């Protein structure tokens, strides 16, 4: 069954990859090579045997360095994906829910106290009741005991600043676990958690009469019981900031599972130093990385319970449980092949069981620079080139792809792995909403390429705004407008091509000197901007120069001299006009080439006989 599942996953990925490569080709993206293979500069897939072998080699190296360990801890768990996920894979959404006001009894005084919660199904795991030290309403409860309704368990009542006097009744029950605040509180206070939800997303034996129910079913059931016993005072409809899985959208639960961890907390200061060494484009994106590093409180859980991903290269002795680590250099599937040793080095047993867990996706993706540079493999250039020059990526994966790449490569090499980071914001729909499958507003690249062609899309993306600083809207009308600039460039080239090229005259006319001076200013600006990965400023200035300065003014002023059909101009004056027209076009094509590679290449190759 697992083999069949892997085959289906491979098929889907191959189809998606081929579609992506076709889009890259049509967009005019320049790669070192379009050949798929393991060589330096060749196209690679992160699920290829060669790439996965390198991922496993990094695990083996980090294991030997003592940077990976296994522990049972409370982690984010996605019931939809059926696996542990890292903090970086959790997003927060405002979701409608009920705020339930529930009666508790104070053991010593017999009085009722009311506590509001959105997670009544976790009453069984309540460990303590808190109130704010400044809240005079509850100071008399300090040190007393509350009796949890339905479960009749006793928990202490204490003052703690985490309680918000303005929220609900000002009293809060700390359960294991409703959200990350609960998790952190239990860790800080050294409280022993009672886990009520299992890895299948259902309530376990600790939940008593809720055993076997899903979280949603358990919530409905316990509210029903509270109502029957007169313990539910009221309910309020509220919007609750809910942690959800970035991948599946399922609400996150917090359960204890045994997972592998990569140490990161002790390297936070090192990572902050690396963040400050990098050149960010735009500079304000650096703060997103810094804020994420500062928020890290636990090590990175790197193991997952999925079918399709790179396998963790470990086997275990059936007799003594000793972990068997293979030598790096090949791709291992422990669930599907024998251990790399004949007998256990600890007890001598010859029976082993392969690890079935796999790596977090980002454990794979975080080694792309190492793969590109050929780290730890023959034929690589890593010994000569220790880092990549640029990491281009989206802002929403700064906390995952960028951070994990910096962390993992630093732990393996002791250095930062690239110099520059170019961070793009989002293209949103015409109403300003982020594109998503759930909204049904996704515009596929193929649709734009089929409708407009690549060059108008590229020019529009450069002219519309600086995408390293802000989102901007996808407008078909404005993309169509960008196509007019390309038509203008083509028509200008056609006009100039009617004249025979000539050598530069000894002296240029004043008007020709002027237009070249204007163009030289633009060249200086473009050199500076392109050197900072800024395509917006050159694109806007180039478009204006083409339409207004060159076509509408200079060409109109100079074309009579270029034609010289009435013989009113000297041959030198005519040659000055024609040479300057060609020179301006040549320079404009060079300036447009990073944004409009196809049309500029076509015109340049025909008129100037080169690439």
Protein backbone atom coordinates (compact mmCIF):
# COMPACT_ATOMS: atom_id res chain seq x y z
CA UNK A 1 0.00 0.00 0.00
CA UNK A 2 2.83 2.40 0.87
CA UNK A 3 4.59 1.64 -2.41
CA UNK A 4 1.40 2.35 -4.35
CA UNK A 5 0.94 5.62 -2.47
CA UNK A 6 4.50 6.68 -3.29
CA UNK A 7 3.93 5.87 -6.99
CA UNK A 8 0.83 8.08 -7.08
CA UNK A 9 2.69 10.93 -5.35
CA UNK A 10 5.55 10.66 -7.84
CA UNK A 11 3.15 10.77 -10.77
CA UNK A 12 1.44 13.92 -9.49
CA UNK A 13 4.76 15.62 -8.78
CA UNK A 14 6.21 14.73 -12.18
CA UNK A 15 3.19 16.24 -13.95
CA UNK A 16 3.37 19.41 -11.83
CA UNK A 17 7.14 19.69 -12.32
CA UNK A 18 6.90 19.39 -16.09
CA UNK A 19 4.20 22.07 -16.15
CA UNK A 20 6.41 24.35 -14.05
CA UNK A 21 9.45 23.80 -16.27
CA UNK A 22 7.35 24.62 -19.35
CA UNK A 23 6.17 27.85 -17.71
CA UNK A 24 9.77 28.74 -16.79
CA UNK A 25 10.82 28.22 -20.41
CA UNK A 26 7.97 30.31 -21.79
CA UNK A 27 8.66 33.07 -19.29
CA UNK A 28 12.22 33.39 -20.56
CA UNK A 29 13.96 32.42 -17.34
CA UNK A 30 17.66 31.87 -18.00
CA UNK A 31 19.12 28.72 -16.49
CA UNK A 32 22.69 27.52 -16.78
CA UNK A 33 21.34 24.34 -18.35
CA UNK A 34 17.95 22.87 -19.26
CA UNK A 35 19.29 19.35 -18.86
CA UNK A 36 17.96 17.35 -15.92
CA UNK A 37 20.77 15.73 -13.96
CA UNK A 38 23.09 15.79 -10.95
CA UNK A 39 25.77 17.97 -12.57
CA UNK A 40 26.61 21.49 -11.40
CA UNK A 41 24.14 23.93 -12.99
CA UNK A 42 21.78 21.23 -14.26
CA UNK A 43 18.08 21.08 -13.38
CA UNK A 44 17.44 19.11 -10.20
CA UNK A 45 14.36 17.83 -8.40
CA UNK A 46 14.27 17.83 -4.61
CA UNK A 47 12.71 14.36 -4.59
CA UNK A 48 15.34 12.78 -6.85
CA UNK A 49 17.51 9.99 -5.44
CA UNK A 50 20.61 12.21 -5.71
CA UNK A 51 19.02 15.08 -3.82
CA UNK A 52 17.52 12.84 -1.14
CA UNK A 53 20.88 11.17 -0.67
CA UNK A 54 22.35 14.58 0.13
CA UNK A 55 19.53 15.35 2.56
CA UNK A 56 20.24 12.09 4.37
CA UNK A 57 23.97 12.87 4.33
CA UNK A 58 23.28 16.17 6.13
CA UNK A 59 21.27 14.28 8.77
CA UNK A 60 24.13 11.81 9.27
CA UNK A 61 26.62 14.68 9.62
CA UNK A 62 24.43 16.61 12.07
CA UNK A 63 23.79 13.40 14.07
CA UNK A 64 27.53 12.82 14.38
CA UNK A 65 27.98 16.44 15.54
CA UNK A 66 25.49 15.81 18.35
CA UNK A 67 23.04 18.36 17.00
CA UNK A 68 20.12 15.94 16.53
CA UNK A 69 18.31 14.16 19.34
CA UNK A 70 15.02 12.31 19.92
CA UNK A 71 12.56 13.34 22.62
CA UNK A 72 8.91 13.02 23.57
CA UNK A 73 7.48 16.51 23.81
CA UNK A 74 4.25 18.35 23.26
CA UNK A 75 4.19 19.64 19.70
CA UNK A 76 1.90 21.17 17.14
CA UNK A 77 -0.09 18.34 15.60
CA UNK A 78 -2.20 18.58 12.44
CA UNK A 79 -5.06 16.05 12.48
CA UNK A 80 -5.52 16.55 8.73
CA UNK A 81 -1.90 15.78 7.83
CA UNK A 82 -1.62 13.27 10.68
CA UNK A 83 1.79 14.52 11.74
CA UNK A 84 3.79 16.83 13.98
CA UNK A 85 4.54 20.20 12.39
CA UNK A 86 6.94 22.99 13.34
CA UNK A 87 5.92 26.42 14.65
CA UNK A 88 6.93 27.87 11.27
CA UNK A 89 4.15 25.82 9.61
CA UNK A 90 1.43 27.21 11.87
CA UNK A 91 -0.61 30.25 10.83
CA UNK A 92 -3.38 32.01 12.69
CA UNK A 93 -6.89 32.68 11.40
CA UNK A 94 -9.83 34.44 12.96
CA UNK A 95 -12.57 31.80 13.17
CA UNK A 96 -16.10 32.08 14.62
CA UNK A 97 -16.61 30.03 17.78
CA UNK A 98 -18.55 29.98 21.06
CA UNK A 99 -17.16 31.43 24.27
CA UNK A 100 -18.68 29.26 26.99
CA UNK A 101 -19.13 30.56 30.57
CA UNK A 102 -18.89 27.57 32.94
CA UNK A 103 -19.50 27.27 36.70
CA UNK A 104 -16.71 25.95 38.92
CA UNK A 105 -17.07 25.41 42.68
CA UNK A 106 -14.55 26.76 45.23
CA UNK A 107 -13.90 23.90 47.65
CA UNK A 108 -13.12 25.98 50.75
CA UNK A 109 -16.00 28.49 50.50
CA UNK A 110 -18.61 26.69 48.44
CA UNK A 111 -19.02 29.72 46.19
CA UNK A 112 -19.45 29.49 42.45
CA UNK A 113 -16.94 31.08 40.11
CA UNK A 114 -17.50 31.43 36.36
CA UNK A 115 -14.79 30.85 33.77
CA UNK A 116 -15.06 31.46 30.02
CA UNK A 117 -13.46 29.12 27.50
CA UNK A 118 -13.60 28.20 23.82
CA UNK A 119 -12.31 24.68 24.58
CA UNK A 120 -14.72 23.08 27.08
CA UNK A 121 -13.76 19.60 25.84
CA UNK A 122 -10.43 20.11 27.64
CA UNK A 123 -11.95 20.46 31.11
CA UNK A 124 -10.49 17.06 31.97
CA UNK A 125 -6.96 18.44 31.46
CA UNK A 126 -7.41 21.61 33.52
CA UNK A 127 -4.39 22.00 35.84
CA UNK A 128 -4.80 25.42 37.45
CA UNK A 129 -7.12 28.45 37.63
CA UNK A 130 -5.51 31.89 37.29
CA UNK A 131 -6.50 35.49 37.99
CA UNK A 132 -4.51 38.67 37.51
CA UNK A 133 -2.67 39.89 40.65
CA UNK A 134 -4.21 43.35 40.16
CA UNK A 135 -7.78 42.02 39.97
CA UNK A 136 -9.40 42.84 43.35
CA UNK A 137 -12.43 40.65 42.55
CA UNK A 138 -10.46 37.45 43.05
CA UNK A 139 -7.65 38.21 45.49
CA UNK A 140 -9.55 36.33 48.23
CA UNK A 141 -9.24 33.16 46.11
CA UNK A 142 -5.42 33.05 46.26
CA UNK A 143 -4.29 29.62 47.47
CA UNK A 144 -7.76 28.11 47.42
CA UNK A 145 -8.97 25.14 45.37
CA UNK A 146 -11.45 24.92 42.51
CA UNK A 147 -13.46 21.79 41.64
CA UNK A 148 -13.61 21.14 37.90
CA UNK A 149 -17.25 20.51 36.84
CA UNK A 150 -18.24 17.05 35.57
CA UNK A 151 -14.80 15.63 36.47
CA UNK A 152 -14.83 16.62 40.16
CA UNK A 153 -11.05 17.04 40.14
CA UNK A 154 -9.39 19.63 42.37
CA UNK A 155 -7.03 22.28 40.97
CA UNK A 156 -5.29 25.23 42.67
CA UNK A 157 -6.27 28.89 42.20
CA UNK A 158 -3.38 31.33 41.88
CA UNK A 159 -2.55 34.87 40.79
CA UNK A 160 -0.56 35.23 37.57
CA UNK A 161 -0.11 38.16 35.14
CA UNK A 162 -1.00 35.96 32.16
CA UNK A 163 -4.68 36.32 33.13
CA UNK A 164 -6.39 39.24 31.39
CA UNK A 165 -8.94 41.01 33.69
CA UNK A 166 -10.74 42.36 30.61
CA UNK A 167 -11.28 38.99 28.94
CA UNK A 168 -14.36 36.99 29.94
CA UNK A 169 -14.76 37.02 33.70
CA UNK A 170 -11.06 37.63 34.35
CA UNK A 171 -10.53 34.02 35.42
CA UNK A 172 -8.76 31.61 33.10
CA UNK A 173 -8.34 27.85 33.21
CA UNK A 174 -5.01 26.50 31.99
CA UNK A 175 -5.49 23.20 30.15
CA UNK A 176 -3.16 20.91 28.27
CA UNK A 177 -3.41 22.20 25.64
CA UNK A 178 -5.73 24.73 24.08
CA UNK A 179 -3.13 26.93 22.45
CA UNK A 180 0.56 27.83 22.49
CA UNK A 181 0.03 30.03 25.55
CA UNK A 182 -0.98 26.92 27.49
CA UNK A 183 2.03 24.99 26.20
CA UNK A 184 4.47 27.70 27.22
CA UNK A 185 2.81 28.18 30.61
CA UNK A 186 3.01 24.47 31.45
CA UNK A 187 6.71 24.42 30.47
CA UNK A 188 7.54 27.53 32.52
CA UNK A 189 5.64 26.34 35.60
CA UNK A 190 6.85 22.74 35.37
CA UNK A 191 3.28 21.41 35.33
CA UNK A 192 2.63 17.85 34.24
CA UNK A 193 0.22 17.87 31.29
CA UNK A 194 -2.76 15.56 30.89
CA UNK A 195 -3.04 14.83 27.17
CA UNK A 196 -6.67 14.28 26.21
CA UNK A 197 -6.36 14.10 22.41
CA UNK A 198 -4.60 11.29 20.54
CA UNK A 199 -2.76 11.42 17.21
CA UNK A 200 -5.93 10.31 15.39
CA UNK A 201 -7.60 13.56 16.46
CA UNK A 202 -9.95 11.78 18.89
CA UNK A 203 -10.39 12.05 22.63
CA UNK A 204 -8.51 9.43 24.66
CA UNK A 205 -9.20 7.71 28.00
CA UNK A 206 -8.18 10.82 29.97
CA UNK A 207 -11.32 12.55 28.71
CA UNK A 208 -13.65 10.10 30.48
CA UNK A 209 -17.13 10.06 28.95
CA UNK A 210 -15.81 11.84 25.81
CA UNK A 211 -13.53 8.91 24.92
CA UNK A 212 -13.48 8.06 21.19
CA UNK A 213 -15.19 11.26 20.04
CA UNK A 214 -13.65 13.74 17.60
CA UNK A 215 -12.78 17.15 19.05
CA UNK A 216 -15.86 18.74 17.49
CA UNK A 217 -18.14 15.92 18.72
CA UNK A 218 -16.60 16.11 22.19
CA UNK A 219 -17.22 19.87 22.33
CA UNK A 220 -20.89 19.41 21.49
CA UNK A 221 -21.25 16.52 23.97
CA UNK A 222 -19.70 18.33 26.94
CA UNK A 223 -21.75 21.48 26.31
CA UNK A 224 -24.84 19.28 26.31
CA UNK A 225 -23.82 17.76 29.67
CA UNK A 226 -23.02 21.15 31.19
CA UNK A 227 -26.44 22.45 30.16
CA UNK A 228 -28.17 19.42 31.70
CA UNK A 229 -26.49 20.02 35.05
CA UNK A 230 -27.05 23.77 35.03
CA UNK A 231 -23.33 24.47 34.82
CA UNK A 232 -23.36 26.49 31.57
CA UNK A 233 -24.15 30.12 32.47
CA UNK A 234 -24.17 31.56 28.93
CA UNK A 235 -22.54 31.41 25.50
CA UNK A 236 -21.22 34.23 23.33
CA UNK A 237 -20.44 34.10 19.62
CA UNK A 238 -16.87 35.41 19.17
CA UNK A 239 -14.06 35.48 16.61
CA UNK A 240 -11.18 33.45 17.99
CA UNK A 241 -7.55 33.60 16.84
CA UNK A 242 -7.09 29.95 15.96
CA UNK A 243 -3.80 28.19 15.11
CA UNK A 244 -4.21 26.21 11.87
CA UNK A 245 -1.94 24.12 9.67
CA UNK A 246 -0.51 26.21 6.85
CA UNK A 247 -0.68 23.19 4.53
CA UNK A 248 -4.13 21.68 5.19
CA UNK A 249 -6.00 24.43 7.05
CA UNK A 250 -6.99 22.10 9.92
CA UNK A 251 -7.03 23.55 13.46
CA UNK A 252 -3.88 22.57 15.36
CA UNK A 253 -3.95 20.35 18.43
CA UNK A 254 -1.11 19.97 20.91
CA UNK A 255 -0.13 16.41 21.75
CA UNK A 256 2.97 14.57 22.96
CA UNK A 257 4.83 12.46 20.41
CA UNK A 258 8.36 11.15 20.12
CA UNK A 259 10.16 13.09 17.40
CA UNK A 260 13.65 13.98 16.23
CA UNK A 261 14.84 17.53 16.89
CA UNK A 262 17.59 19.68 15.41
CA UNK A 263 19.11 22.08 17.92
CA UNK A 264 18.38 25.72 17.15
CA UNK A 265 17.61 27.56 20.41
CA UNK A 266 21.28 27.66 21.43
CA UNK A 267 22.21 29.16 18.06
CA UNK A 268 19.76 32.10 18.10
CA UNK A 269 22.49 34.70 18.63
CA UNK A 270 24.51 33.23 15.74
CA UNK A 271 21.45 33.36 13.51
CA UNK A 272 20.77 36.99 14.43
CA UNK A 273 24.35 37.81 13.49
CA UNK A 274 23.91 36.08 10.11
CA UNK A 275 20.65 37.96 9.55
CA UNK A 276 22.51 41.24 10.00
CA UNK A 277 25.31 40.17 7.64
CA UNK A 278 22.96 39.48 4.73
CA UNK A 279 22.10 42.12 2.13
CA UNK A 280 18.29 42.30 1.98
CA UNK A 281 16.38 43.67 -0.98
CA UNK A 282 14.33 45.46 0.24
CA UNK A 283 16.06 46.15 3.60
CA UNK A 284 12.82 46.13 5.61
CA UNK A 285 12.39 42.39 4.95
CA UNK A 286 15.31 41.73 7.29
CA UNK A 287 13.05 42.51 10.27
CA UNK A 288 10.70 39.65 9.37
CA UNK A 289 13.62 37.22 9.76
CA UNK A 290 14.86 38.87 12.97
CA UNK A 291 11.40 38.79 14.54
CA UNK A 292 11.07 35.10 13.70
CA UNK A 293 14.47 34.22 15.18
CA UNK A 294 13.60 36.11 18.38
CA UNK A 295 10.32 34.20 18.69
CA UNK A 296 11.95 30.73 18.64
CA UNK A 297 11.53 28.93 21.97
CA UNK A 298 11.99 25.23 21.12
CA UNK A 299 14.28 23.18 18.89
CA UNK A 300 13.15 22.28 15.36
CA UNK A 301 11.11 19.05 15.17
CA UNK A 302 12.38 17.56 11.92
CA UNK A 303 10.56 14.20 11.78
CA UNK A 304 7.14 13.74 10.20
CA UNK A 305 4.59 10.93 9.92
CA UNK A 306 3.88 11.11 6.22
CA UNK A 307 4.08 8.63 3.35
CA UNK A 308 5.93 10.62 0.71
CA UNK A 309 9.11 12.44 1.74
CA UNK A 310 12.80 11.73 2.31
CA UNK A 311 13.17 8.86 4.75
CA UNK A 312 15.13 9.24 8.00
CA UNK A 313 18.16 6.94 7.46
CA UNK A 314 18.04 4.86 10.64
CA UNK A 315 17.50 1.24 11.62
CA UNK A 316 16.97 -0.13 15.13
CA UNK A 317 18.11 -3.36 16.70
CA UNK A 318 15.04 -5.43 17.60
CA UNK A 319 16.76 -6.76 20.71
CA UNK A 320 18.30 -3.70 22.37
CA UNK A 321 16.91 -0.76 20.37
CA UNK A 322 20.36 0.51 19.32
CA UNK A 323 20.10 3.04 16.45
CA UNK A 324 22.10 2.07 13.36
CA UNK A 325 23.37 5.00 11.28
CA UNK A 326 24.59 4.25 7.71
CA UNK A 327 27.48 5.86 5.87
CA UNK A 328 26.55 8.87 3.69
CA UNK A 329 26.66 8.70 -0.09
CA UNK A 330 23.53 6.87 -1.22
CA UNK A 331 19.76 7.17 -0.87
CA UNK A 332 18.35 4.88 1.83
CA UNK A 333 14.80 3.59 2.36
CA UNK A 334 14.95 1.87 5.77
CA UNK A 335 11.35 0.66 5.54
CA UNK A 336 12.13 -1.09 2.27
CA UNK A 337 15.71 -2.38 2.57
CA UNK A 338 17.90 -4.26 5.07
CA UNK A 339 20.11 -2.55 7.63
CA UNK A 340 23.63 -1.60 6.46
CA UNK A 341 25.20 -3.92 9.06
CA UNK A 342 24.93 -7.66 9.60
CA UNK A 343 24.76 -7.54 13.39
CA UNK A 344 24.13 -5.01 16.12
CA UNK A 345 27.40 -3.47 17.37
CA UNK A 346 25.96 -3.34 20.89
CA UNK A 347 24.32 -6.74 21.46
CA UNK A 348 25.18 -8.78 18.38
CA UNK A 349 21.58 -9.36 17.27
CA UNK A 350 20.99 -9.78 13.54
CA UNK A 351 17.40 -8.53 13.46
CA UNK A 352 16.57 -4.90 12.68
CA UNK A 353 13.57 -2.74 11.97
CA UNK A 354 13.74 0.30 9.69
CA UNK A 355 12.66 3.80 10.69
CA UNK A 356 9.32 4.72 9.06
CA UNK A 357 9.24 8.43 9.80
CA UNK A 358 10.35 10.95 7.19
CA UNK A 359 11.86 14.43 7.21
CA UNK A 360 10.06 17.74 7.36
CA UNK A 361 9.85 19.20 3.83
CA UNK A 362 12.02 22.13 4.90
CA UNK A 363 14.77 19.75 6.04
CA UNK A 364 15.01 18.87 2.33
CA UNK A 365 14.52 22.36 0.92
CA UNK A 366 17.02 23.95 3.29
CA UNK A 367 19.99 22.35 1.51
CA UNK A 368 19.39 23.75 -1.99
CA UNK A 369 22.55 25.95 -1.87
CA UNK A 370 24.62 22.96 -0.74
CA UNK A 371 23.29 20.87 -3.60
CA UNK A 372 23.91 23.66 -6.12
CA UNK A 373 27.51 24.07 -4.95
CA UNK A 374 28.16 20.33 -4.81
CA UNK A 375 28.80 20.08 -1.07
CA UNK A 376 30.00 16.64 0.02
CA UNK A 377 30.04 15.18 -3.49
CA UNK A 378 32.64 14.72 -6.20
CA UNK A 379 32.62 17.18 -9.07
CA UNK A 380 31.28 19.96 -6.87
CA UNK A 381 32.66 23.49 -6.61
CA UNK A 382 32.07 23.94 -2.87
CA UNK A 383 35.80 23.90 -2.07
CA UNK A 384 36.25 26.92 -4.34
CA UNK A 385 32.92 28.68 -3.88
CA UNK A 386 31.62 28.56 -0.32
CA UNK A 387 28.34 30.38 -0.85
CA UNK A 388 25.70 31.28 -3.41
CA UNK A 389 25.31 34.92 -4.40
CA UNK A 390 21.53 35.22 -4.21
CA UNK A 391 18.41 33.71 -2.61
CA UNK A 392 15.25 35.00 -4.35
CA UNK A 393 12.02 34.06 -2.56
CA UNK A 394 8.60 35.09 -1.27
CA UNK A 395 8.09 36.93 2.02
CA UNK A 396 5.69 34.29 3.39
CA UNK A 397 8.47 31.67 3.55
CA UNK A 398 11.11 33.80 5.25
CA UNK A 399 10.46 31.94 8.50
CA UNK A 400 10.73 28.56 6.78
CA UNK A 401 12.84 28.38 3.64
CA UNK A 402 15.14 31.32 4.37
CA UNK A 403 15.56 30.70 8.09
CA UNK A 404 15.97 26.92 7.89
CA UNK A 405 18.46 27.25 5.01
CA UNK A 406 20.56 29.72 7.00
CA UNK A 407 20.37 27.55 10.13
CA UNK A 408 21.12 24.18 8.60
CA UNK A 409 23.88 25.35 6.27
CA UNK A 410 25.48 27.27 9.13
CA UNK A 411 25.45 24.18 11.34
CA UNK A 412 27.12 22.20 8.54
CA UNK A 413 29.62 24.76 7.21
CA UNK A 414 30.03 27.32 10.00
CA UNK A 415 29.26 30.17 7.58
CA UNK A 416 26.36 31.95 5.93
CA UNK A 417 25.44 30.24 2.68
CA UNK A 418 24.58 33.25 0.49
CA UNK A 419 25.24 36.99 0.29
CA UNK A 420 22.00 38.57 -0.93
CA UNK A 421 18.32 37.90 -0.25
CA UNK A 422 15.70 39.25 -2.67
CA UNK A 423 12.24 39.02 -1.12
CA UNK A 424 9.10 39.48 -3.19
CA UNK A 425 5.67 40.38 -1.88
CA UNK A 426 2.47 39.02 -3.46
CA UNK A 427 0.58 39.52 -6.67
CA UNK A 428 -3.02 39.77 -5.43
CA UNK A 429 -6.28 39.68 -7.35
CA UNK A 430 -7.97 42.79 -8.79
CA UNK A 431 -9.84 43.34 -5.50
CA UNK A 432 -6.65 43.19 -3.46
CA UNK A 433 -7.17 39.70 -1.99
CA UNK A 434 -4.32 37.19 -1.77
CA UNK A 435 -4.82 34.42 -4.31
CA UNK A 436 -5.85 31.11 -2.78
CA UNK A 437 -7.65 27.94 -3.83
CA UNK A 438 -10.27 28.45 -1.12
CA UNK A 439 -11.22 31.87 -2.55
CA UNK A 440 -11.22 30.52 -6.10
CA UNK A 441 -9.27 33.57 -7.30
CA UNK A 442 -6.02 31.92 -8.39
CA UNK A 443 -4.73 33.06 -11.77
CA UNK A 444 -2.44 30.39 -13.24
CA UNK A 445 0.72 31.53 -15.03
CA UNK A 446 -0.29 29.48 -18.07
CA UNK A 447 -3.46 31.56 -18.44
CA UNK A 448 -1.50 34.82 -18.54
CA UNK A 449 1.09 33.37 -20.93
CA UNK A 450 -1.61 32.05 -23.29
CA UNK A 451 -3.52 35.32 -23.25
CA UNK A 452 -0.75 37.92 -23.35
CA UNK A 453 2.58 36.16 -23.93
CA UNK A 454 5.54 36.31 -21.55
CA UNK A 455 7.01 39.69 -22.44
CA UNK A 456 3.95 41.83 -21.56
CA UNK A 457 3.63 39.98 -18.24
CA UNK A 458 7.30 40.54 -17.43
CA UNK A 459 7.18 44.25 -18.32
CA UNK A 460 3.94 44.75 -16.39
CA UNK A 461 5.44 43.07 -13.30
CA UNK A 462 8.44 45.43 -13.46
CA UNK A 463 6.47 48.62 -14.18
CA UNK A 464 3.49 48.07 -11.89
CA UNK A 465 5.42 48.56 -8.64
CA UNK A 466 8.37 47.54 -6.50
CA UNK A 467 7.33 44.04 -5.48
CA UNK A 468 10.06 43.89 -2.85
CA UNK A 469 8.15 46.52 -0.87
CA UNK A 470 4.44 45.96 -1.48
CA UNK A 471 1.79 43.68 -2.97
CA UNK A 472 0.15 44.77 -6.19
CA UNK A 473 -2.96 43.79 -8.07
CA UNK A 474 -3.06 41.56 -11.13
CA UNK A 475 -4.82 43.67 -13.77
CA UNK A 476 -5.45 42.24 -17.23
CA UNK A 477 -6.03 45.77 -18.50
CA UNK A 478 -2.63 46.95 -17.30
CA UNK A 479 -0.87 43.86 -18.66
CA UNK A 480 -2.47 44.64 -22.01
CA UNK A 481 -1.15 48.19 -21.63
CA UNK A 482 2.37 46.84 -21.14
CA UNK A 483 2.04 45.03 -24.47
CA UNK A 484 1.66 48.40 -26.19
CA UNK A 485 5.16 49.39 -25.02
CA UNK A 486 6.58 46.25 -26.62
CA UNK A 487 4.74 47.06 -29.85
CA UNK A 488 6.20 50.58 -29.65
CA UNK A 489 9.72 49.18 -29.30
CA UNK A 490 9.15 46.89 -32.28
CA UNK A 491 7.79 49.76 -34.43
CA UNK A 492 10.71 52.01 -33.48
CA UNK A 493 13.11 49.22 -34.50
CA UNK A 494 11.28 48.75 -37.82
CA UNK A 495 11.51 52.47 -38.54
CA UNK A 496 15.24 52.61 -37.80
CA UNK A 497 15.89 49.46 -39.87
CA UNK A 498 14.83 51.22 -43.11
CA UNK A 499 18.09 53.16 -42.99
CA UNK A 500 21.41 51.59 -43.89
CA UNK A 501 23.78 51.43 -40.93
CA UNK A 502 26.82 53.65 -41.06
CA UNK A 503 29.99 54.36 -39.11
CA UNK A 504 30.04 57.01 -36.43
CA UNK A 505 30.85 60.40 -37.94
CA UNK A 506 33.70 62.50 -36.59
CA UNK A 507 31.28 65.08 -35.21
CA UNK A 508 27.71 64.53 -33.99
CA UNK A 509 24.99 67.14 -34.30
CA UNK A 510 23.93 68.92 -31.13
CA UNK A 511 20.50 67.20 -31.04
CA UNK A 512 22.18 63.78 -31.33
CA UNK A 513 24.58 64.62 -28.52
CA UNK A 514 21.60 65.62 -26.39
CA UNK A 515 19.69 62.34 -26.82
CA UNK A 516 22.83 60.31 -26.12
CA UNK A 517 23.42 62.37 -22.99
CA UNK A 518 19.85 61.60 -21.84
CA UNK A 519 20.40 57.94 -22.56
CA UNK A 520 23.71 57.91 -20.67
CA UNK A 521 21.89 59.25 -17.60
CA UNK A 522 19.46 56.38 -17.94
CA UNK A 523 22.34 53.88 -18.28
CA UNK A 524 23.90 55.11 -15.02
CA UNK A 525 20.57 54.80 -13.23
CA UNK A 526 19.93 51.33 -14.66
CA UNK A 527 23.39 50.06 -13.69
CA UNK A 528 22.84 51.22 -10.12
CA UNK A 529 19.28 49.85 -9.93
CA UNK A 530 19.95 46.48 -11.57
CA UNK A 531 22.94 46.08 -9.24
CA UNK A 532 20.43 46.19 -6.36
CA UNK A 533 17.93 43.83 -8.08
CA UNK A 534 15.64 46.83 -8.66
CA UNK A 535 13.77 46.28 -11.93
CA UNK A 536 10.96 48.73 -11.22
CA UNK A 537 12.84 52.04 -11.49
CA UNK A 538 14.68 51.17 -14.75
CA UNK A 539 11.47 49.79 -16.30
CA UNK A 540 9.48 52.96 -15.55
CA UNK A 541 12.27 55.25 -16.74
CA UNK A 542 12.91 53.17 -19.88
CA UNK A 543 9.24 53.14 -20.81
CA UNK A 544 9.05 56.92 -20.42
CA UNK A 545 12.26 57.40 -22.41
CA UNK A 546 11.04 55.17 -25.25
CA UNK A 547 7.60 56.75 -25.55
CA UNK A 548 8.23 60.38 -24.72
CA UNK A 549 11.88 61.38 -24.98
CA UNK A 550 12.89 59.16 -27.90
CA UNK A 551 9.83 58.37 -30.05
CA UNK A 552 7.67 61.44 -29.51
CA UNK A 553 10.46 64.03 -29.47
CA UNK A 554 13.83 62.94 -30.82
CA UNK A 555 12.58 60.71 -33.67
CA UNK A 556 10.09 63.36 -34.80
CA UNK A 557 12.83 66.00 -34.76
CA UNK A 558 15.48 63.90 -36.50
CA UNK A 559 13.64 61.86 -39.11
CA UNK A 560 13.76 64.58 -41.84
CA UNK A 561 17.54 64.72 -41.41
CA UNK A 562 17.77 60.90 -41.50
CA UNK A 563 15.68 60.68 -44.70
CA UNK A 564 17.27 63.81 -46.21
CA UNK A 565 15.04 63.27 -49.24
CA UNK A 566 15.21 66.94 -50.20
CA UNK A 567 18.99 67.16 -49.77
CA UNK A 568 18.78 69.98 -47.21
CA UNK A 569 21.29 68.32 -44.88
CA UNK A 570 24.90 67.40 -45.42
CA UNK A 571 25.97 63.76 -45.62
CA UNK A 572 27.71 64.15 -42.25
CA UNK A 573 24.52 65.48 -40.66
CA UNK A 574 22.49 62.63 -42.14
CA UNK A 575 25.03 60.05 -40.96
CA UNK A 576 24.99 61.62 -37.50
CA UNK A 577 21.21 61.11 -37.32
CA UNK A 578 21.26 57.51 -38.62
CA UNK A 579 24.20 56.42 -36.44
CA UNK A 580 22.56 57.96 -33.35
CA UNK A 581 19.23 56.26 -34.08
CA UNK A 582 20.95 52.88 -34.27
CA UNK A 583 23.10 53.58 -31.21
CA UNK A 584 20.10 54.63 -29.13
CA UNK A 585 18.22 51.49 -30.19
CA UNK A 586 21.23 49.28 -29.39
CA UNK A 587 21.59 50.77 -25.92
CA UNK A 588 17.85 50.61 -25.24
CA UNK A 589 17.83 46.92 -26.16
CA UNK A 590 20.67 46.28 -23.72
CA UNK A 591 18.79 48.14 -20.99
CA UNK A 592 15.52 46.34 -21.72
CA UNK A 593 17.15 42.89 -21.98
CA UNK A 594 16.87 41.88 -18.27
CA UNK A 595 13.14 42.61 -18.43
CA UNK A 596 12.33 41.85 -22.08
CA UNK A 597 14.86 39.17 -23.04
CA UNK A 598 12.97 37.72 -26.00
CA UNK A 599 12.01 40.80 -28.00
CA UNK A 600 15.33 42.51 -27.27
CA UNK A 601 17.22 39.39 -28.38
CA UNK A 602 15.18 39.14 -31.58
CA UNK A 603 15.70 42.76 -32.60
CA UNK A 604 19.36 42.82 -31.56
CA UNK A 605 20.25 39.61 -33.43
CA UNK A 606 18.61 40.86 -36.65
CA UNK A 607 19.90 44.43 -36.64
CA UNK A 608 23.25 44.04 -34.88
CA UNK A 609 24.16 40.45 -35.71
CA UNK A 610 24.86 39.21 -32.20
CA UNK A 611 23.43 38.02 -28.91
